[in-house]
Amino acid sequence: MDSSPCSPDFTHSTSISLLARLLRQQSVPPAMNKKQIQLKKKEKERKDAAGVKSATSKESLAKQAKDASAYVCQSCRQTFMVTSKSKQLIEHCDAKHPKLPREQCFPELPDMLAREATGGGKK
């Protein structure tokens, strides 16, 4: 038989194989099975309903930046985390700025000392 483009055998067999090949290329094998997809969807819906923010949301990134530099020495601009205790701030003042009053370096230091004396925690 002649396998020229005009012959009916060529068109029929070639079109079926081309169609099958195109269908195989277009159908992407699923990365997850249906059960995994359903579980992911339910978990996402549960988080959305609870109002859980991701670690990269704008609000959480702003809070992290604020907490990371909660206390700033007004003399040298060194930052201290929000978890820093008054003892650490006093040590910084005594070591780096012995001639300056401590309140000039950290205006919030008297309030911190008062809170720690009464047994209070954060602000």
N, C-alpha and C. Protein backbone atom coordinates (compact mmCIF):
# COMPACT_ATOMS: atom_id res chain seq x y z
N MET A 1 0.82 -1.19 0.00
CA MET A 1 0.00 0.00 0.00
C MET A 1 0.86 1.24 0.00
N ASP A 2 0.27 2.26 -0.51
CA ASP A 2 0.96 3.54 -0.60
C ASP A 2 0.72 4.32 0.68
N SER A 3 1.76 4.87 1.25
CA SER A 3 1.59 5.64 2.48
C SER A 3 1.71 7.13 2.21
N SER A 4 1.14 7.54 1.13
CA SER A 4 1.15 8.97 0.81
C SER A 4 0.05 9.67 1.60
N PRO A 5 0.14 10.94 1.78
CA PRO A 5 -0.87 11.68 2.55
C PRO A 5 -2.25 11.61 1.95
N CYS A 6 -2.36 11.23 0.69
CA CYS A 6 -3.67 11.18 0.05
C CYS A 6 -4.38 9.86 0.27
N SER A 7 -3.68 8.84 0.70
CA SER A 7 -4.32 7.55 0.87
C SER A 7 -5.16 7.54 2.14
N PRO A 8 -6.30 6.84 2.15
CA PRO A 8 -7.18 6.82 3.31
C PRO A 8 -6.56 6.12 4.51
N ASP A 9 -5.71 5.10 4.28
CA ASP A 9 -5.07 4.41 5.40
C ASP A 9 -4.13 5.33 6.18
N PHE A 10 -3.41 6.11 5.44
CA PHE A 10 -2.47 7.02 6.08
C PHE A 10 -3.22 8.02 6.96
N THR A 11 -4.27 8.58 6.47
CA THR A 11 -5.01 9.60 7.20
C THR A 11 -5.67 9.00 8.44
N HIS A 12 -6.28 7.84 8.28
CA HIS A 12 -6.99 7.23 9.40
C HIS A 12 -6.04 6.78 10.50
N SER A 13 -5.02 6.00 10.15
CA SER A 13 -4.11 5.48 11.18
C SER A 13 -3.26 6.59 11.78
N THR A 14 -2.85 7.51 10.97
CA THR A 14 -2.03 8.61 11.46
C THR A 14 -2.84 9.54 12.34
N SER A 15 -4.07 9.80 11.97
CA SER A 15 -4.88 10.72 12.77
C SER A 15 -5.19 10.12 14.14
N ILE A 16 -5.40 8.81 14.21
CA ILE A 16 -5.66 8.16 15.49
C ILE A 16 -4.41 8.21 16.37
N SER A 17 -3.26 7.91 15.79
CA SER A 17 -2.03 7.93 16.59
C SER A 17 -1.67 9.35 17.01
N LEU A 18 -1.90 10.32 16.12
CA LEU A 18 -1.65 11.71 16.49
C LEU A 18 -2.59 12.17 17.59
N LEU A 19 -3.85 11.79 17.47
CA LEU A 19 -4.83 12.14 18.49
C LEU A 19 -4.48 11.51 19.83
N ALA A 20 -4.08 10.27 19.83
CA ALA A 20 -3.69 9.60 21.07
C ALA A 20 -2.46 10.26 21.68
N ARG A 21 -1.50 10.62 20.85
CA ARG A 21 -0.30 11.28 21.33
C ARG A 21 -0.62 12.65 21.93
N LEU A 22 -1.50 13.40 21.28
CA LEU A 22 -1.90 14.72 21.80
C LEU A 22 -2.63 14.59 23.14
N LEU A 23 -3.49 13.59 23.25
CA LEU A 23 -4.21 13.39 24.50
C LEU A 23 -3.26 13.02 25.63
N ARG A 24 -2.26 12.21 25.34
CA ARG A 24 -1.28 11.85 26.37
C ARG A 24 -0.48 13.06 26.81
N GLN A 25 -0.15 13.94 25.90
CA GLN A 25 0.63 15.13 26.24
C GLN A 25 -0.19 16.11 27.07
N GLN A 26 -1.47 16.23 26.77
CA GLN A 26 -2.31 17.20 27.47
C GLN A 26 -2.72 16.72 28.85
N SER A 27 -2.90 15.45 29.03
CA SER A 27 -3.32 14.97 30.34
C SER A 27 -2.10 14.85 31.24
N VAL A 28 -2.04 15.72 32.22
CA VAL A 28 -0.92 15.74 33.16
C VAL A 28 -1.23 14.72 34.24
N PRO A 29 -0.31 13.84 34.55
CA PRO A 29 -0.57 12.88 35.61
C PRO A 29 -0.69 13.62 36.94
N PRO A 30 -1.68 13.27 37.75
CA PRO A 30 -1.87 14.00 38.99
C PRO A 30 -0.71 13.79 39.96
N ALA A 31 -0.28 14.87 40.59
CA ALA A 31 0.82 14.78 41.55
C ALA A 31 0.33 14.14 42.84
N MET A 32 -0.95 14.38 43.15
CA MET A 32 -1.53 13.81 44.36
C MET A 32 -2.79 13.05 43.98
N ASN A 33 -3.12 12.05 44.75
CA ASN A 33 -4.36 11.36 44.47
C ASN A 33 -5.53 12.17 45.02
N LYS A 34 -6.73 11.73 44.74
CA LYS A 34 -7.91 12.52 45.12
C LYS A 34 -8.06 12.67 46.62
N LYS A 35 -7.69 11.66 47.37
CA LYS A 35 -7.80 11.71 48.83
C LYS A 35 -6.88 12.79 49.39
N GLN A 36 -5.65 12.87 48.86
CA GLN A 36 -4.72 13.89 49.32
C GLN A 36 -5.21 15.29 48.97
N ILE A 37 -5.80 15.43 47.79
CA ILE A 37 -6.33 16.73 47.37
C ILE A 37 -7.46 17.14 48.29
N GLN A 38 -8.35 16.21 48.63
CA GLN A 38 -9.45 16.52 49.53
C GLN A 38 -8.95 16.91 50.92
N LEU A 39 -7.94 16.21 51.42
CA LEU A 39 -7.39 16.53 52.73
C LEU A 39 -6.76 17.91 52.73
N LYS A 40 -6.04 18.25 51.67
CA LYS A 40 -5.42 19.57 51.56
C LYS A 40 -6.49 20.66 51.53
N LYS A 41 -7.56 20.41 50.78
CA LYS A 41 -8.63 21.40 50.67
C LYS A 41 -9.31 21.60 52.01
N LYS A 42 -9.59 20.51 52.73
CA LYS A 42 -10.23 20.63 54.04
C LYS A 42 -9.33 21.35 55.02
N GLU A 43 -8.04 21.08 54.98
CA GLU A 43 -7.10 21.75 55.88
C GLU A 43 -7.04 23.25 55.59
N LYS A 44 -7.04 23.60 54.33
CA LYS A 44 -7.03 25.02 53.94
C LYS A 44 -8.31 25.71 54.40
N GLU A 45 -9.45 25.04 54.21
CA GLU A 45 -10.71 25.62 54.65
C GLU A 45 -10.75 25.80 56.17
N ARG A 46 -10.19 24.83 56.89
CA ARG A 46 -10.16 24.92 58.35
C ARG A 46 -9.30 26.09 58.81
N LYS A 47 -8.15 26.28 58.17
CA LYS A 47 -7.28 27.40 58.52
C LYS A 47 -7.94 28.73 58.19
N ASP A 48 -8.60 28.80 57.04
CA ASP A 48 -9.29 30.03 56.67
C ASP A 48 -10.40 30.36 57.65
N ALA A 49 -11.11 29.33 58.10
CA ALA A 49 -12.21 29.55 59.05
C ALA A 49 -11.68 30.00 60.40
N ALA A 50 -10.52 29.48 60.78
CA ALA A 50 -9.94 29.85 62.07
C ALA A 50 -9.24 31.20 62.01
N GLY A 51 -8.99 31.71 60.82
CA GLY A 51 -8.32 32.99 60.69
C GLY A 51 -6.83 32.91 60.93
N VAL A 52 -6.24 31.77 60.68
CA VAL A 52 -4.81 31.58 60.89
C VAL A 52 -4.06 32.28 59.77
N LYS A 53 -3.12 33.13 60.14
CA LYS A 53 -2.31 33.82 59.15
C LYS A 53 -1.04 33.02 58.89
N SER A 54 -0.56 33.10 57.70
CA SER A 54 0.68 32.40 57.38
C SER A 54 1.86 33.19 57.92
N ALA A 55 3.01 32.55 57.95
CA ALA A 55 4.20 33.19 58.50
C ALA A 55 4.71 34.32 57.61
N THR A 56 4.23 34.38 56.39
CA THR A 56 4.70 35.41 55.48
C THR A 56 3.66 36.48 55.20
N SER A 57 2.61 36.54 56.00
CA SER A 57 1.61 37.57 55.78
C SER A 57 2.20 38.92 56.17
N LYS A 58 1.65 39.98 55.64
CA LYS A 58 2.17 41.32 55.89
C LYS A 58 2.12 41.67 57.37
N GLU A 59 1.04 41.27 58.03
CA GLU A 59 0.89 41.59 59.45
C GLU A 59 1.96 40.90 60.29
N SER A 60 2.22 39.62 59.99
CA SER A 60 3.20 38.89 60.78
C SER A 60 4.61 39.38 60.52
N LEU A 61 4.91 39.76 59.28
CA LEU A 61 6.24 40.29 58.98
C LEU A 61 6.46 41.63 59.67
N ALA A 62 5.42 42.45 59.72
CA ALA A 62 5.53 43.74 60.42
C ALA A 62 5.73 43.52 61.91
N LYS A 63 5.02 42.55 62.48
CA LYS A 63 5.16 42.26 63.90
C LYS A 63 6.55 41.73 64.20
N GLN A 64 7.09 40.89 63.35
CA GLN A 64 8.43 40.35 63.54
C GLN A 64 9.47 41.47 63.51
N ALA A 65 9.31 42.41 62.58
CA ALA A 65 10.25 43.52 62.49
C ALA A 65 10.16 44.41 63.73
N LYS A 66 8.95 44.62 64.20
CA LYS A 66 8.76 45.45 65.40
C LYS A 66 9.35 44.77 66.63
N ASP A 67 9.12 43.47 66.77
CA ASP A 67 9.64 42.73 67.92
C ASP A 67 11.16 42.60 67.88
N ALA A 68 11.72 42.50 66.69
CA ALA A 68 13.16 42.33 66.58
C ALA A 68 13.91 43.57 67.05
N SER A 69 13.33 44.72 66.87
CA SER A 69 14.01 45.95 67.27
C SER A 69 13.14 46.72 68.27
N ALA A 70 12.73 46.05 69.32
CA ALA A 70 11.84 46.67 70.29
C ALA A 70 12.54 47.75 71.10
N TYR A 71 13.77 47.50 71.51
CA TYR A 71 14.52 48.47 72.30
C TYR A 71 15.72 48.94 71.49
N VAL A 72 15.85 50.26 71.36
CA VAL A 72 16.94 50.83 70.59
C VAL A 72 17.70 51.80 71.48
N CYS A 73 19.02 51.62 71.55
CA CYS A 73 19.85 52.54 72.30
C CYS A 73 19.84 53.88 71.56
N GLN A 74 19.49 54.94 72.25
CA GLN A 74 19.37 56.24 71.62
C GLN A 74 20.74 56.85 71.32
N SER A 75 21.79 56.31 71.90
CA SER A 75 23.12 56.83 71.68
C SER A 75 23.79 56.18 70.46
N CYS A 76 23.82 54.86 70.43
CA CYS A 76 24.53 54.16 69.35
C CYS A 76 23.59 53.47 68.37
N ARG A 77 22.30 53.49 68.63
CA ARG A 77 21.25 52.91 67.77
C ARG A 77 21.33 51.38 67.67
N GLN A 78 21.95 50.74 68.64
CA GLN A 78 21.96 49.28 68.66
C GLN A 78 20.58 48.80 69.08
N THR A 79 20.09 47.76 68.41
CA THR A 79 18.75 47.25 68.71
C THR A 79 18.83 46.04 69.62
N PHE A 80 17.79 45.90 70.44
CA PHE A 80 17.65 44.76 71.32
C PHE A 80 16.26 44.19 71.11
N MET A 81 16.14 42.88 71.18
CA MET A 81 14.85 42.23 70.95
C MET A 81 13.88 42.53 72.07
N VAL A 82 12.62 42.27 71.82
CA VAL A 82 11.57 42.53 72.79
C VAL A 82 11.73 41.65 74.02
N THR A 83 12.41 40.54 73.89
CA THR A 83 12.60 39.63 75.02
C THR A 83 13.76 40.03 75.91
N SER A 84 14.44 41.11 75.58
CA SER A 84 15.58 41.55 76.39
C SER A 84 15.10 42.00 77.76
N LYS A 85 15.92 41.72 78.74
CA LYS A 85 15.62 42.12 80.12
C LYS A 85 16.36 43.41 80.42
N SER A 86 15.94 44.05 81.49
CA SER A 86 16.56 45.32 81.88
C SER A 86 18.04 45.11 82.20
N LYS A 87 18.39 43.94 82.70
CA LYS A 87 19.79 43.66 83.03
C LYS A 87 20.67 43.77 81.80
N GLN A 88 20.21 43.27 80.67
CA GLN A 88 20.98 43.36 79.43
C GLN A 88 21.14 44.80 78.98
N LEU A 89 20.10 45.59 79.13
CA LEU A 89 20.17 46.98 78.72
C LEU A 89 21.12 47.76 79.63
N ILE A 90 21.09 47.46 80.92
CA ILE A 90 21.98 48.13 81.87
C ILE A 90 23.43 47.75 81.57
N GLU A 91 23.67 46.48 81.28
CA GLU A 91 25.03 46.05 80.95
C GLU A 91 25.53 46.77 79.70
N HIS A 92 24.65 46.95 78.71
CA HIS A 92 25.04 47.67 77.50
C HIS A 92 25.41 49.11 77.84
N CYS A 93 24.59 49.75 78.65
CA CYS A 93 24.87 51.15 79.03
C CYS A 93 26.20 51.27 79.77
N ASP A 94 26.43 50.37 80.71
CA ASP A 94 27.66 50.44 81.51
C ASP A 94 28.89 50.14 80.68
N ALA A 95 28.79 49.23 79.72
CA ALA A 95 29.94 48.85 78.92
C ALA A 95 30.22 49.84 77.79
N LYS A 96 29.19 50.29 77.11
CA LYS A 96 29.39 51.12 75.92
C LYS A 96 29.32 52.61 76.20
N HIS A 97 28.49 53.02 77.15
CA HIS A 97 28.27 54.45 77.40
C HIS A 97 28.34 54.74 78.90
N PRO A 98 29.49 54.56 79.52
CA PRO A 98 29.55 54.72 80.97
C PRO A 98 29.35 56.17 81.44
N LYS A 99 29.60 57.15 80.59
CA LYS A 99 29.47 58.55 80.99
C LYS A 99 28.04 59.08 80.83
N LEU A 100 27.22 58.38 80.09
CA LEU A 100 25.84 58.82 79.86
C LEU A 100 24.92 58.19 80.90
N PRO A 101 23.87 58.91 81.28
CA PRO A 101 22.88 58.28 82.16
C PRO A 101 22.13 57.18 81.39
N ARG A 102 21.75 56.16 82.11
CA ARG A 102 21.08 55.01 81.48
C ARG A 102 19.77 55.40 80.82
N GLU A 103 19.05 56.33 81.43
CA GLU A 103 17.76 56.76 80.88
C GLU A 103 17.91 57.49 79.57
N GLN A 104 19.10 58.06 79.33
CA GLN A 104 19.32 58.73 78.06
C GLN A 104 19.47 57.69 76.94
N CYS A 105 20.08 56.56 77.25
CA CYS A 105 20.23 55.51 76.25
C CYS A 105 18.90 54.78 76.00
N PHE A 106 18.24 54.42 77.08
CA PHE A 106 16.98 53.68 76.98
C PHE A 106 15.92 54.40 77.82
N PRO A 107 15.09 55.24 77.21
CA PRO A 107 14.05 55.95 77.96
C PRO A 107 13.03 55.02 78.62
N GLU A 108 12.87 53.81 78.12
CA GLU A 108 11.89 52.88 78.69
C GLU A 108 12.46 52.06 79.84
N LEU A 109 13.72 52.26 80.18
CA LEU A 109 14.37 51.46 81.22
C LEU A 109 13.72 51.61 82.60
N PRO A 110 13.37 52.82 83.07
CA PRO A 110 12.71 52.91 84.38
C PRO A 110 11.39 52.13 84.45
N ASP A 111 10.62 52.16 83.38
CA ASP A 111 9.36 51.40 83.34
C ASP A 111 9.64 49.90 83.39
N MET A 112 10.67 49.47 82.68
CA MET A 112 11.02 48.05 82.69
C MET A 112 11.43 47.61 84.09
N LEU A 113 12.24 48.43 84.75
CA LEU A 113 12.69 48.09 86.10
C LEU A 113 11.50 48.02 87.06
N ALA A 114 10.55 48.93 86.92
CA ALA A 114 9.37 48.92 87.78
C ALA A 114 8.52 47.68 87.53
N ARG A 115 8.35 47.30 86.27
CA ARG A 115 7.56 46.11 85.95
C ARG A 115 8.23 44.85 86.48
N GLU A 116 9.54 44.77 86.32
CA GLU A 116 10.26 43.58 86.79
C GLU A 116 10.27 43.52 88.31
N ALA A 117 10.27 44.67 88.96
CA ALA A 117 10.25 44.69 90.42
C ALA A 117 8.90 44.20 90.98
N THR A 118 7.83 44.53 90.27
CA THR A 118 6.49 44.09 90.70
C THR A 118 6.18 42.68 90.20
N GLY A 119 7.07 42.12 89.40
CA GLY A 119 6.86 40.75 88.92
C GLY A 119 6.07 40.71 87.63
N GLY A 120 5.82 41.86 87.01
CA GLY A 120 5.08 41.90 85.75
C GLY A 120 5.94 41.43 84.61
N GLY A 121 5.31 41.00 83.56
CA GLY A 121 6.03 40.49 82.41
C GLY A 121 6.22 41.57 81.37
N LYS A 122 5.57 41.37 80.24
CA LYS A 122 5.70 42.30 79.13
C LYS A 122 4.93 43.57 79.41
N LYS A 123 5.02 44.47 78.42
CA LYS A 123 4.36 45.77 78.49
C LYS A 123 2.87 45.64 78.77
